[in-house]
Amino acid sequence: MGKDDVKCGGPLQCAHVEGRRNKYLRWDRLNAICLCAGHHRYYTDYPIAWGSLIRSHFPIHFWHVEIERCKLWDRDIDAVLARLKAEYEAVSA
């Protein structure tokens, strides 16, 4: 809100900087931005505007995804779950 002229509306949702199709980044916290449903819908339809918004307002997310996006996922869902659990426990402590 306040970073563009898009009208806010609806519940908060998780938007991926790099789409969910990229399994290596799909569960990476730096590949996620919290948006209202209105902004999520808008930026889904306008990916060039999404890229500009991420570059200008979320540079850490942008550069992380830019560096990591070409890595291949090893298909180890157990490793993903263990990493997410460890991150959750670190934040909850």
N, C-alpha and C. Protein backbone atom coordinates (compact mmCIF):
# COMPACT_ATOMS: atom_id res chain seq x y z
N MET A 1 0.84 -1.18 0.00
CA MET A 1 0.00 0.00 0.00
C MET A 1 0.87 1.24 0.00
N GLY A 2 0.56 2.16 -0.86
CA GLY A 2 1.30 3.41 -0.90
C GLY A 2 2.52 3.38 -1.81
N LYS A 3 2.84 2.25 -2.40
CA LYS A 3 4.00 2.16 -3.28
C LYS A 3 3.59 2.26 -4.75
N ASP A 4 2.29 2.32 -5.01
CA ASP A 4 1.78 2.39 -6.38
C ASP A 4 0.36 2.97 -6.35
N ASP A 5 -0.29 2.98 -7.50
CA ASP A 5 -1.66 3.51 -7.58
C ASP A 5 -2.72 2.41 -7.60
N VAL A 6 -2.34 1.18 -7.31
CA VAL A 6 -3.28 0.06 -7.32
C VAL A 6 -4.15 0.12 -6.07
N LYS A 7 -5.45 -0.13 -6.25
CA LYS A 7 -6.37 -0.09 -5.11
C LYS A 7 -6.25 -1.37 -4.29
N CYS A 8 -6.03 -1.20 -2.99
CA CYS A 8 -5.95 -2.35 -2.08
C CYS A 8 -7.33 -2.95 -1.87
N GLY A 9 -7.35 -4.24 -1.60
CA GLY A 9 -8.61 -4.89 -1.29
C GLY A 9 -8.45 -6.38 -1.10
N GLY A 10 -9.23 -6.92 -0.20
CA GLY A 10 -9.23 -8.36 0.03
C GLY A 10 -8.22 -8.79 1.07
N PRO A 11 -8.22 -10.09 1.36
CA PRO A 11 -7.33 -10.62 2.40
C PRO A 11 -5.87 -10.60 1.95
N LEU A 12 -4.98 -10.71 2.94
CA LEU A 12 -3.55 -10.78 2.63
C LEU A 12 -3.21 -12.14 2.04
N GLN A 13 -2.29 -12.13 1.09
CA GLN A 13 -1.88 -13.35 0.41
C GLN A 13 -0.37 -13.36 0.23
N CYS A 14 0.18 -14.54 0.02
CA CYS A 14 1.61 -14.69 -0.25
C CYS A 14 1.82 -14.60 -1.76
N ALA A 15 2.63 -13.64 -2.17
CA ALA A 15 2.99 -13.51 -3.59
C ALA A 15 4.45 -13.89 -3.75
N HIS A 16 4.73 -14.66 -4.78
CA HIS A 16 6.10 -15.10 -5.04
C HIS A 16 6.80 -14.10 -5.96
N VAL A 17 8.04 -13.76 -5.64
CA VAL A 17 8.83 -12.89 -6.51
C VAL A 17 9.07 -13.64 -7.82
N GLU A 18 9.60 -14.83 -7.74
CA GLU A 18 9.75 -15.76 -8.88
C GLU A 18 8.64 -16.78 -8.71
N GLY A 19 7.89 -17.05 -9.74
CA GLY A 19 6.71 -17.89 -9.66
C GLY A 19 6.90 -19.24 -8.98
N ARG A 20 5.80 -19.81 -8.52
CA ARG A 20 5.81 -21.09 -7.81
C ARG A 20 6.34 -22.24 -8.66
N ARG A 21 6.35 -22.06 -9.94
CA ARG A 21 6.86 -23.10 -10.84
C ARG A 21 8.33 -23.41 -10.55
N ASN A 22 9.07 -22.40 -10.08
CA ASN A 22 10.47 -22.61 -9.72
C ASN A 22 10.52 -23.28 -8.35
N LYS A 23 10.66 -24.61 -8.35
CA LYS A 23 10.60 -25.37 -7.10
C LYS A 23 11.78 -25.07 -6.17
N TYR A 24 12.93 -24.69 -6.72
CA TYR A 24 14.07 -24.38 -5.86
C TYR A 24 13.75 -23.19 -4.95
N LEU A 25 13.01 -22.22 -5.48
CA LEU A 25 12.68 -21.01 -4.72
C LEU A 25 11.28 -21.02 -4.13
N ARG A 26 10.46 -21.99 -4.48
CA ARG A 26 9.05 -21.96 -4.10
C ARG A 26 8.82 -21.76 -2.61
N TRP A 27 9.64 -22.38 -1.76
CA TRP A 27 9.45 -22.30 -0.31
C TRP A 27 10.49 -21.41 0.36
N ASP A 28 11.17 -20.58 -0.41
CA ASP A 28 12.20 -19.67 0.11
C ASP A 28 11.53 -18.39 0.62
N ARG A 29 11.80 -18.02 1.88
CA ARG A 29 11.15 -16.83 2.45
C ARG A 29 11.51 -15.55 1.72
N LEU A 30 12.69 -15.47 1.12
CA LEU A 30 13.05 -14.26 0.37
C LEU A 30 12.44 -14.23 -1.02
N ASN A 31 11.68 -15.27 -1.35
CA ASN A 31 10.93 -15.28 -2.60
C ASN A 31 9.45 -14.97 -2.34
N ALA A 32 9.16 -14.44 -1.18
CA ALA A 32 7.76 -14.18 -0.80
C ALA A 32 7.57 -12.73 -0.35
N ILE A 33 6.46 -12.16 -0.78
CA ILE A 33 6.04 -10.82 -0.37
C ILE A 33 4.57 -10.93 0.00
N CYS A 34 4.17 -10.29 1.07
CA CYS A 34 2.77 -10.29 1.48
C CYS A 34 2.03 -9.16 0.77
N LEU A 35 0.98 -9.51 0.05
CA LEU A 35 0.16 -8.52 -0.67
C LEU A 35 -1.31 -8.75 -0.37
N CYS A 36 -2.09 -7.70 -0.51
CA CYS A 36 -3.55 -7.88 -0.45
C CYS A 36 -3.97 -8.56 -1.75
N ALA A 37 -5.16 -9.12 -1.77
CA ALA A 37 -5.66 -9.83 -2.95
C ALA A 37 -5.72 -8.93 -4.18
N GLY A 38 -6.07 -7.67 -3.99
CA GLY A 38 -6.15 -6.73 -5.12
C GLY A 38 -4.79 -6.52 -5.78
N HIS A 39 -3.77 -6.29 -4.96
CA HIS A 39 -2.43 -6.11 -5.50
C HIS A 39 -1.90 -7.42 -6.12
N HIS A 40 -2.19 -8.54 -5.48
CA HIS A 40 -1.72 -9.82 -6.00
C HIS A 40 -2.30 -10.07 -7.40
N ARG A 41 -3.60 -9.83 -7.55
CA ARG A 41 -4.25 -10.01 -8.85
C ARG A 41 -3.63 -9.06 -9.89
N TYR A 42 -3.46 -7.80 -9.51
CA TYR A 42 -2.92 -6.81 -10.45
C TYR A 42 -1.53 -7.22 -10.93
N TYR A 43 -0.64 -7.53 -9.99
CA TYR A 43 0.73 -7.84 -10.38
C TYR A 43 0.86 -9.20 -11.05
N THR A 44 -0.09 -10.10 -10.83
CA THR A 44 -0.11 -11.35 -11.59
C THR A 44 -0.37 -11.04 -13.06
N ASP A 45 -1.24 -10.09 -13.31
CA ASP A 45 -1.59 -9.71 -14.68
C ASP A 45 -0.56 -8.81 -15.34
N TYR A 46 0.28 -8.13 -14.55
CA TYR A 46 1.27 -7.18 -15.08
C TYR A 46 2.67 -7.51 -14.54
N PRO A 47 3.28 -8.60 -15.07
CA PRO A 47 4.56 -9.05 -14.52
C PRO A 47 5.72 -8.05 -14.70
N ILE A 48 5.70 -7.22 -15.72
CA ILE A 48 6.77 -6.22 -15.87
C ILE A 48 6.68 -5.19 -14.75
N ALA A 49 5.47 -4.77 -14.43
CA ALA A 49 5.28 -3.84 -13.30
C ALA A 49 5.69 -4.50 -11.99
N TRP A 50 5.43 -5.81 -11.86
CA TRP A 50 5.83 -6.56 -10.66
C TRP A 50 7.35 -6.55 -10.51
N GLY A 51 8.05 -6.83 -11.61
CA GLY A 51 9.51 -6.81 -11.58
C GLY A 51 10.05 -5.44 -11.18
N SER A 52 9.45 -4.39 -11.70
CA SER A 52 9.88 -3.02 -11.36
C SER A 52 9.64 -2.72 -9.89
N LEU A 53 8.49 -3.14 -9.38
CA LEU A 53 8.18 -2.91 -7.96
C LEU A 53 9.18 -3.65 -7.07
N ILE A 54 9.46 -4.90 -7.38
CA ILE A 54 10.39 -5.69 -6.56
C ILE A 54 11.78 -5.07 -6.60
N ARG A 55 12.26 -4.71 -7.80
CA ARG A 55 13.59 -4.10 -7.91
C ARG A 55 13.70 -2.82 -7.11
N SER A 56 12.66 -1.96 -7.17
CA SER A 56 12.78 -0.67 -6.49
C SER A 56 12.50 -0.70 -5.00
N HIS A 57 11.56 -1.53 -4.56
CA HIS A 57 11.15 -1.49 -3.15
C HIS A 57 11.61 -2.68 -2.31
N PHE A 58 12.02 -3.75 -2.96
CA PHE A 58 12.47 -4.95 -2.24
C PHE A 58 13.77 -5.47 -2.85
N PRO A 59 14.84 -4.66 -2.84
CA PRO A 59 16.07 -5.06 -3.54
C PRO A 59 16.72 -6.32 -2.98
N ILE A 60 16.60 -6.56 -1.68
CA ILE A 60 17.19 -7.78 -1.12
C ILE A 60 16.50 -9.02 -1.70
N HIS A 61 15.18 -8.97 -1.78
CA HIS A 61 14.42 -10.08 -2.39
C HIS A 61 14.81 -10.24 -3.86
N PHE A 62 14.87 -9.11 -4.56
CA PHE A 62 15.19 -9.15 -5.99
C PHE A 62 16.54 -9.82 -6.24
N TRP A 63 17.59 -9.35 -5.53
CA TRP A 63 18.93 -9.90 -5.80
C TRP A 63 19.05 -11.34 -5.33
N HIS A 64 18.39 -11.70 -4.25
CA HIS A 64 18.42 -13.10 -3.80
C HIS A 64 17.84 -14.01 -4.88
N VAL A 65 16.68 -13.64 -5.37
CA VAL A 65 16.02 -14.46 -6.40
C VAL A 65 16.83 -14.46 -7.68
N GLU A 66 17.38 -13.32 -8.04
CA GLU A 66 18.19 -13.23 -9.26
C GLU A 66 19.38 -14.19 -9.21
N ILE A 67 20.01 -14.29 -8.05
CA ILE A 67 21.17 -15.16 -7.87
C ILE A 67 20.76 -16.64 -7.82
N GLU A 68 19.66 -16.93 -7.15
CA GLU A 68 19.26 -18.32 -6.89
C GLU A 68 18.36 -18.95 -7.95
N ARG A 69 17.80 -18.17 -8.83
CA ARG A 69 16.74 -18.65 -9.71
C ARG A 69 17.12 -19.76 -10.68
N CYS A 70 18.38 -19.89 -11.03
CA CYS A 70 18.79 -20.92 -12.00
C CYS A 70 19.25 -22.22 -11.35
N LYS A 71 19.22 -22.28 -10.04
CA LYS A 71 19.63 -23.51 -9.36
C LYS A 71 18.54 -24.57 -9.51
N LEU A 72 18.96 -25.81 -9.58
CA LEU A 72 18.01 -26.91 -9.74
C LEU A 72 17.63 -27.48 -8.38
N TRP A 73 16.35 -27.76 -8.22
CA TRP A 73 15.84 -28.37 -6.98
C TRP A 73 16.17 -29.85 -7.01
N ASP A 74 16.68 -30.37 -5.90
CA ASP A 74 17.06 -31.78 -5.84
C ASP A 74 15.88 -32.70 -5.52
N ARG A 75 14.69 -32.16 -5.44
CA ARG A 75 13.45 -32.91 -5.19
C ARG A 75 13.39 -33.54 -3.81
N ASP A 76 14.15 -32.99 -2.88
CA ASP A 76 14.17 -33.52 -1.52
C ASP A 76 13.21 -32.71 -0.65
N ILE A 77 11.94 -33.10 -0.65
CA ILE A 77 10.92 -32.37 0.10
C ILE A 77 11.18 -32.46 1.60
N ASP A 78 11.78 -33.55 2.05
CA ASP A 78 12.10 -33.68 3.47
C ASP A 78 13.12 -32.61 3.90
N ALA A 79 14.08 -32.31 3.04
CA ALA A 79 15.06 -31.25 3.34
C ALA A 79 14.37 -29.90 3.40
N VAL A 80 13.42 -29.66 2.50
CA VAL A 80 12.66 -28.40 2.51
C VAL A 80 11.88 -28.28 3.82
N LEU A 81 11.19 -29.35 4.22
CA LEU A 81 10.41 -29.33 5.45
C LEU A 81 11.30 -29.13 6.68
N ALA A 82 12.46 -29.77 6.71
CA ALA A 82 13.39 -29.60 7.83
C ALA A 82 13.89 -28.16 7.91
N ARG A 83 14.20 -27.56 6.75
CA ARG A 83 14.68 -26.17 6.73
C ARG A 83 13.58 -25.22 7.21
N LEU A 84 12.35 -25.43 6.73
CA LEU A 84 11.24 -24.58 7.16
C LEU A 84 10.97 -24.73 8.65
N LYS A 85 11.04 -25.95 9.17
CA LYS A 85 10.84 -26.19 10.60
C LYS A 85 11.92 -25.47 11.40
N ALA A 86 13.17 -25.56 10.98
CA ALA A 86 14.28 -24.89 11.67
C ALA A 86 14.10 -23.37 11.64
N GLU A 87 13.68 -22.83 10.51
CA GLU A 87 13.44 -21.39 10.41
C GLU A 87 12.31 -20.97 11.34
N TYR A 88 11.24 -21.75 11.38
CA TYR A 88 10.10 -21.45 12.25
C TYR A 88 10.53 -21.48 13.73
N GLU A 89 11.29 -22.50 14.10
CA GLU A 89 11.74 -22.61 15.48
C GLU A 89 12.67 -21.46 15.86
N ALA A 90 13.51 -21.02 14.93
CA ALA A 90 14.41 -19.90 15.21
C ALA A 90 13.63 -18.61 15.43
N VAL A 91 12.58 -18.42 14.66
CA VAL A 91 11.75 -17.20 14.80
C VAL A 91 10.90 -17.27 16.06
N SER A 92 10.44 -18.47 16.43
CA SER A 92 9.56 -18.66 17.58
C SER A 92 10.29 -18.65 18.92
N ALA A 93 11.59 -18.82 18.89
CA ALA A 93 12.36 -18.92 20.13
C ALA A 93 12.47 -17.59 20.86
